[in-house]
């Protein structure tokens, strides 16, 4: 808590808090920590809850999943104005039509396509010298991808889905389109984490710390069951 107290005392406009992700099979330098004990899910949740409470008491407003901002900051105002947006870099005050990534492994989002640059420095510079884009891989989103991206972003930014808006934007009935997801969401509703109303699906204050898990329900690329959703993102 001492570090958190020092950070809050400096009064930065915004603070983001992330849980440490140990991926030693992917990042070799993390292998030095393999033999050492690390906080489990319960401990990590307790750490985040303590940090959240401290920042709220210090005058910060919670923004989405993991950001905090002073009331006068533009991020807090965008939350009130319902213009808060989240991309793969975090929360922003507005949605950019396109986003171009520069540098190793940078990700670009253009229209309904994503592209990622190579992380290999030699390949990156060779491509630039040839006048080519240093793109290693990319993906064009399907209509289903676009709908699910919208749903996940609205949950992450506003903690709710406007079912009427979904119909206006995509011509879908959410209860029908997400019928399989509703079965999983009912388990969260039974725990008091989400309210599945006729016009809005709203995440409750109890469910807010688990918003990542709730959003995972809408991710068609995850093969998860309701039994594993709670422990994979904390």
Protein backbone atom coordinates (compact mmCIF):
# COMPACT_ATOMS: atom_id res chain seq x y z
CA UNK A 1 0.00 0.00 0.00
CA UNK A 2 2.93 2.33 0.51
CA UNK A 3 3.60 2.52 -3.23
CA UNK A 4 -0.07 3.20 -3.90
CA UNK A 5 -0.14 5.94 -1.27
CA UNK A 6 2.89 7.57 -2.87
CA UNK A 7 1.34 7.43 -6.33
CA UNK A 8 -1.98 8.87 -5.13
CA UNK A 9 -0.13 11.62 -3.26
CA UNK A 10 1.42 12.78 -6.55
CA UNK A 11 -2.14 13.31 -7.89
CA UNK A 12 -1.69 12.12 -11.48
CA UNK A 13 -4.77 12.77 -13.60
CA UNK A 14 -5.09 9.09 -14.49
CA UNK A 15 -3.97 5.81 -12.99
CA UNK A 16 -4.22 2.34 -14.53
CA UNK A 17 -3.86 -0.82 -12.46
CA UNK A 18 -3.11 -4.16 -14.09
CA UNK A 19 -2.47 -7.57 -12.63
CA UNK A 20 0.93 -9.06 -13.37
CA UNK A 21 0.70 -11.66 -16.13
CA UNK A 22 3.25 -14.44 -15.74
CA UNK A 23 3.94 -15.94 -19.19
CA UNK A 24 7.40 -17.38 -18.80
CA UNK A 25 6.95 -19.72 -21.77
CA UNK A 26 6.58 -16.65 -23.95
CA UNK A 27 8.87 -14.16 -22.20
CA UNK A 28 12.20 -15.74 -21.27
CA UNK A 29 13.14 -13.10 -18.70
CA UNK A 30 10.15 -14.15 -16.57
CA UNK A 31 11.60 -17.63 -16.12
CA UNK A 32 13.70 -16.29 -13.25
CA UNK A 33 10.44 -15.95 -11.30
CA UNK A 34 9.20 -19.48 -12.00
CA UNK A 35 10.46 -20.96 -8.69
CA UNK A 36 9.10 -18.07 -6.63
CA UNK A 37 5.62 -18.00 -5.07
CA UNK A 38 3.15 -15.61 -6.66
CA UNK A 39 -0.25 -14.36 -5.49
CA UNK A 40 -3.15 -16.57 -6.42
CA UNK A 41 -6.53 -15.45 -7.70
CA UNK A 42 -7.91 -14.62 -4.26
CA UNK A 43 -4.85 -12.62 -3.26
CA UNK A 44 -4.76 -10.72 -6.55
CA UNK A 45 -8.42 -9.81 -6.24
CA UNK A 46 -7.82 -8.60 -2.69
CA UNK A 47 -4.92 -6.44 -3.92
CA UNK A 48 -7.04 -4.86 -6.64
CA UNK A 49 -9.97 -4.29 -4.27
CA UNK A 50 -7.67 -2.61 -1.75
CA UNK A 51 -6.17 -0.41 -4.47
CA UNK A 52 -9.59 0.51 -5.80
CA UNK A 53 -10.90 1.46 -2.37
CA UNK A 54 -7.81 3.55 -1.63
CA UNK A 55 -8.04 5.46 -4.91
CA UNK A 56 -11.77 6.10 -4.49
CA UNK A 57 -11.13 7.45 -1.01
CA UNK A 58 -8.39 9.64 -2.50
CA UNK A 59 -10.91 11.23 -4.85
CA UNK A 60 -10.44 9.18 -8.01
CA UNK A 61 -13.31 7.89 -10.11
CA UNK A 62 -13.23 4.29 -11.36
CA UNK A 63 -13.20 4.21 -15.16
CA UNK A 64 -14.18 0.91 -16.69
CA UNK A 65 -12.20 -2.16 -15.68
CA UNK A 66 -8.83 -0.89 -14.58
CA UNK A 67 -8.50 2.89 -14.97
CA UNK A 68 -9.00 5.67 -12.44
CA UNK A 69 -9.23 9.39 -13.12
CA UNK A 70 -9.69 12.62 -11.21
CA UNK A 71 -13.22 14.05 -11.62
CA UNK A 72 -12.06 16.91 -13.84
CA UNK A 73 -10.09 14.71 -16.21
CA UNK A 74 -11.34 14.27 -19.76
CA UNK A 75 -11.57 10.52 -19.23
CA UNK A 76 -14.04 11.03 -16.38
CA UNK A 77 -16.04 13.51 -18.44
CA UNK A 78 -16.22 11.07 -21.35
CA UNK A 79 -17.65 8.48 -18.96
CA UNK A 80 -20.43 10.91 -18.03
CA UNK A 81 -20.97 11.86 -21.68
CA UNK A 82 -21.08 8.20 -22.73
CA UNK A 83 -18.27 8.74 -25.23
CA UNK A 84 -15.77 6.52 -23.40
CA UNK A 85 -14.09 4.06 -25.75
CA UNK A 86 -11.72 1.16 -25.29
CA UNK A 87 -9.27 -0.24 -27.79
CA UNK A 88 -6.46 -2.76 -27.39
CA UNK A 89 -4.31 -0.08 -25.71
CA UNK A 90 -6.81 0.87 -23.02
CA UNK A 91 -9.48 3.52 -22.48
CA UNK A 92 -9.71 6.63 -24.63
CA UNK A 93 -12.03 9.63 -24.66
CA UNK A 94 -13.37 8.98 -28.14
CA UNK A 95 -13.38 6.38 -30.86
CA UNK A 96 -10.88 6.89 -33.67
CA UNK A 97 -12.10 5.74 -37.10
CA UNK A 98 -8.69 4.20 -37.81
CA UNK A 99 -5.58 3.56 -35.74
CA UNK A 100 -2.14 2.94 -37.24
CA UNK A 101 0.53 1.22 -35.18
CA UNK A 102 4.21 2.05 -35.65
CA UNK A 103 7.08 -0.08 -34.40
CA UNK A 104 7.76 -3.69 -33.54
CA UNK A 105 4.64 -5.80 -32.90
CA UNK A 106 2.40 -2.70 -33.13
CA UNK A 107 -1.24 -3.34 -33.95
CA UNK A 108 -3.26 -1.33 -36.46
CA UNK A 109 -7.05 -1.13 -36.70
CA UNK A 110 -8.43 0.11 -40.02
CA UNK A 111 -12.16 -0.18 -40.71
CA UNK A 112 -13.03 -3.78 -39.80
CA UNK A 113 -9.49 -5.11 -40.21
CA UNK A 114 -6.62 -5.65 -37.79
CA UNK A 115 -2.95 -6.02 -38.65
CA UNK A 116 0.10 -6.61 -36.48
CA UNK A 117 3.69 -5.74 -37.32
CA UNK A 118 6.43 -8.32 -36.95
CA UNK A 119 8.28 -8.38 -33.65
CA UNK A 120 11.55 -9.37 -35.34
CA UNK A 121 13.78 -6.27 -35.72
CA UNK A 122 15.59 -7.62 -38.79
CA UNK A 123 12.39 -8.47 -40.62
CA UNK A 124 10.88 -5.14 -39.62
CA UNK A 125 13.75 -3.06 -40.99
CA UNK A 126 14.10 -5.21 -44.11
CA UNK A 127 10.44 -4.64 -44.96
CA UNK A 128 10.80 -0.88 -44.51
CA UNK A 129 13.91 -0.79 -46.68
CA UNK A 130 11.98 -2.57 -49.45
CA UNK A 131 9.14 -0.10 -49.09
CA UNK A 132 6.81 -2.78 -47.75
CA UNK A 133 4.60 -2.72 -44.69
CA UNK A 134 6.20 -4.78 -41.89
CA UNK A 135 2.93 -6.62 -41.26
CA UNK A 136 3.24 -10.16 -39.95
CA UNK A 137 -0.41 -11.10 -39.70
CA UNK A 138 -3.88 -9.66 -40.01
CA UNK A 139 -7.56 -10.38 -39.72
CA UNK A 140 -10.71 -9.15 -41.42
CA UNK A 141 -13.68 -9.14 -39.07
CA UNK A 142 -16.88 -10.94 -39.97
CA UNK A 143 -20.27 -9.43 -39.23
CA UNK A 144 -20.46 -11.61 -36.12
CA UNK A 145 -17.03 -10.33 -35.03
CA UNK A 146 -18.23 -6.73 -35.40
CA UNK A 147 -21.37 -7.37 -33.35
CA UNK A 148 -19.44 -9.11 -30.59
CA UNK A 149 -16.77 -6.41 -30.57
CA UNK A 150 -19.50 -3.82 -30.09
CA UNK A 151 -21.08 -5.80 -27.25
CA UNK A 152 -17.78 -6.31 -25.45
CA UNK A 153 -16.76 -2.68 -25.81
CA UNK A 154 -20.11 -1.42 -24.48
CA UNK A 155 -19.83 -3.68 -21.47
CA UNK A 156 -16.25 -2.61 -20.81
CA UNK A 157 -17.04 1.10 -21.19
CA UNK A 158 -20.60 1.49 -19.90
CA UNK A 159 -21.16 -1.78 -18.01
CA UNK A 160 -24.35 -2.27 -19.98
CA UNK A 161 -25.78 -3.37 -23.32
CA UNK A 162 -28.57 -1.30 -24.83
CA UNK A 163 -30.70 -3.94 -26.56
CA UNK A 164 -32.68 -1.34 -28.50
CA UNK A 165 -29.44 0.17 -29.80
CA UNK A 166 -28.25 -3.29 -30.86
CA UNK A 167 -31.40 -3.71 -32.93
CA UNK A 168 -30.97 -0.27 -34.50
CA UNK A 169 -27.30 -0.86 -35.34
CA UNK A 170 -27.33 -4.48 -36.43
CA UNK A 171 -30.96 -5.52 -36.86
CA UNK A 172 -30.69 -8.23 -34.21
CA UNK A 173 -32.67 -9.34 -31.20
CA UNK A 174 -30.02 -9.86 -28.53
CA UNK A 175 -32.00 -12.50 -26.67
CA UNK A 176 -32.13 -14.55 -29.87
CA UNK A 177 -28.73 -13.70 -31.32
CA UNK A 178 -26.97 -14.33 -28.00
CA UNK A 179 -29.22 -17.18 -26.87
CA UNK A 180 -26.28 -19.44 -26.01
CA UNK A 181 -24.56 -16.60 -24.16
CA UNK A 182 -27.73 -15.91 -22.18
CA UNK A 183 -27.48 -19.35 -20.61
CA UNK A 184 -24.04 -18.46 -19.23
CA UNK A 185 -25.11 -14.96 -18.26
CA UNK A 186 -27.96 -16.38 -16.20
CA UNK A 187 -25.34 -17.91 -13.90
CA UNK A 188 -23.89 -14.43 -13.33
CA UNK A 189 -27.39 -13.07 -12.80
CA UNK A 190 -28.04 -15.71 -10.15
CA UNK A 191 -24.94 -14.43 -8.31
CA UNK A 192 -26.17 -10.83 -8.53
CA UNK A 193 -23.47 -9.77 -10.98
CA UNK A 194 -25.65 -8.77 -13.93
CA UNK A 195 -29.26 -7.77 -14.49
CA UNK A 196 -30.73 -9.14 -17.73
CA UNK A 197 -33.57 -6.68 -18.28
CA UNK A 198 -35.88 -6.35 -21.29
CA UNK A 199 -34.13 -3.22 -22.64
CA UNK A 200 -30.71 -3.27 -20.95
CA UNK A 201 -28.29 -5.86 -19.71
CA UNK A 202 -26.51 -4.09 -16.85
CA UNK A 203 -23.52 -5.23 -14.85
CA UNK A 204 -24.03 -4.59 -11.14
CA UNK A 205 -21.45 -3.11 -8.75
CA UNK A 206 -20.89 -6.65 -7.48
CA UNK A 207 -20.14 -7.84 -11.00
CA UNK A 208 -17.99 -4.87 -12.04
CA UNK A 209 -14.69 -6.39 -10.81
CA UNK A 210 -15.45 -9.44 -12.96
CA UNK A 211 -16.34 -7.53 -16.13
CA UNK A 212 -13.56 -9.28 -18.07
CA UNK A 213 -15.09 -12.62 -17.22
CA UNK A 214 -18.55 -11.47 -18.26
CA UNK A 215 -17.16 -10.19 -21.55
CA UNK A 216 -15.49 -13.53 -22.18
CA UNK A 217 -18.97 -14.99 -22.57
CA UNK A 218 -19.29 -13.02 -25.82
CA UNK A 219 -15.88 -14.04 -27.20
CA UNK A 220 -16.56 -16.62 -29.90
CA UNK A 221 -12.87 -17.53 -30.05
CA UNK A 222 -12.70 -18.75 -26.47
CA UNK A 223 -13.63 -22.30 -25.65
CA UNK A 224 -14.65 -21.76 -22.04
CA UNK A 225 -17.22 -23.09 -19.69
CA UNK A 226 -18.92 -21.18 -16.90
CA UNK A 227 -16.79 -23.11 -14.40
CA UNK A 228 -13.54 -21.57 -15.64
CA UNK A 229 -14.62 -18.00 -16.32
CA UNK A 230 -13.97 -16.64 -12.84
CA UNK A 231 -10.32 -17.51 -12.49
CA UNK A 232 -8.73 -16.65 -15.81
CA UNK A 233 -8.51 -12.86 -15.74
CA UNK A 234 -7.67 -11.87 -12.16
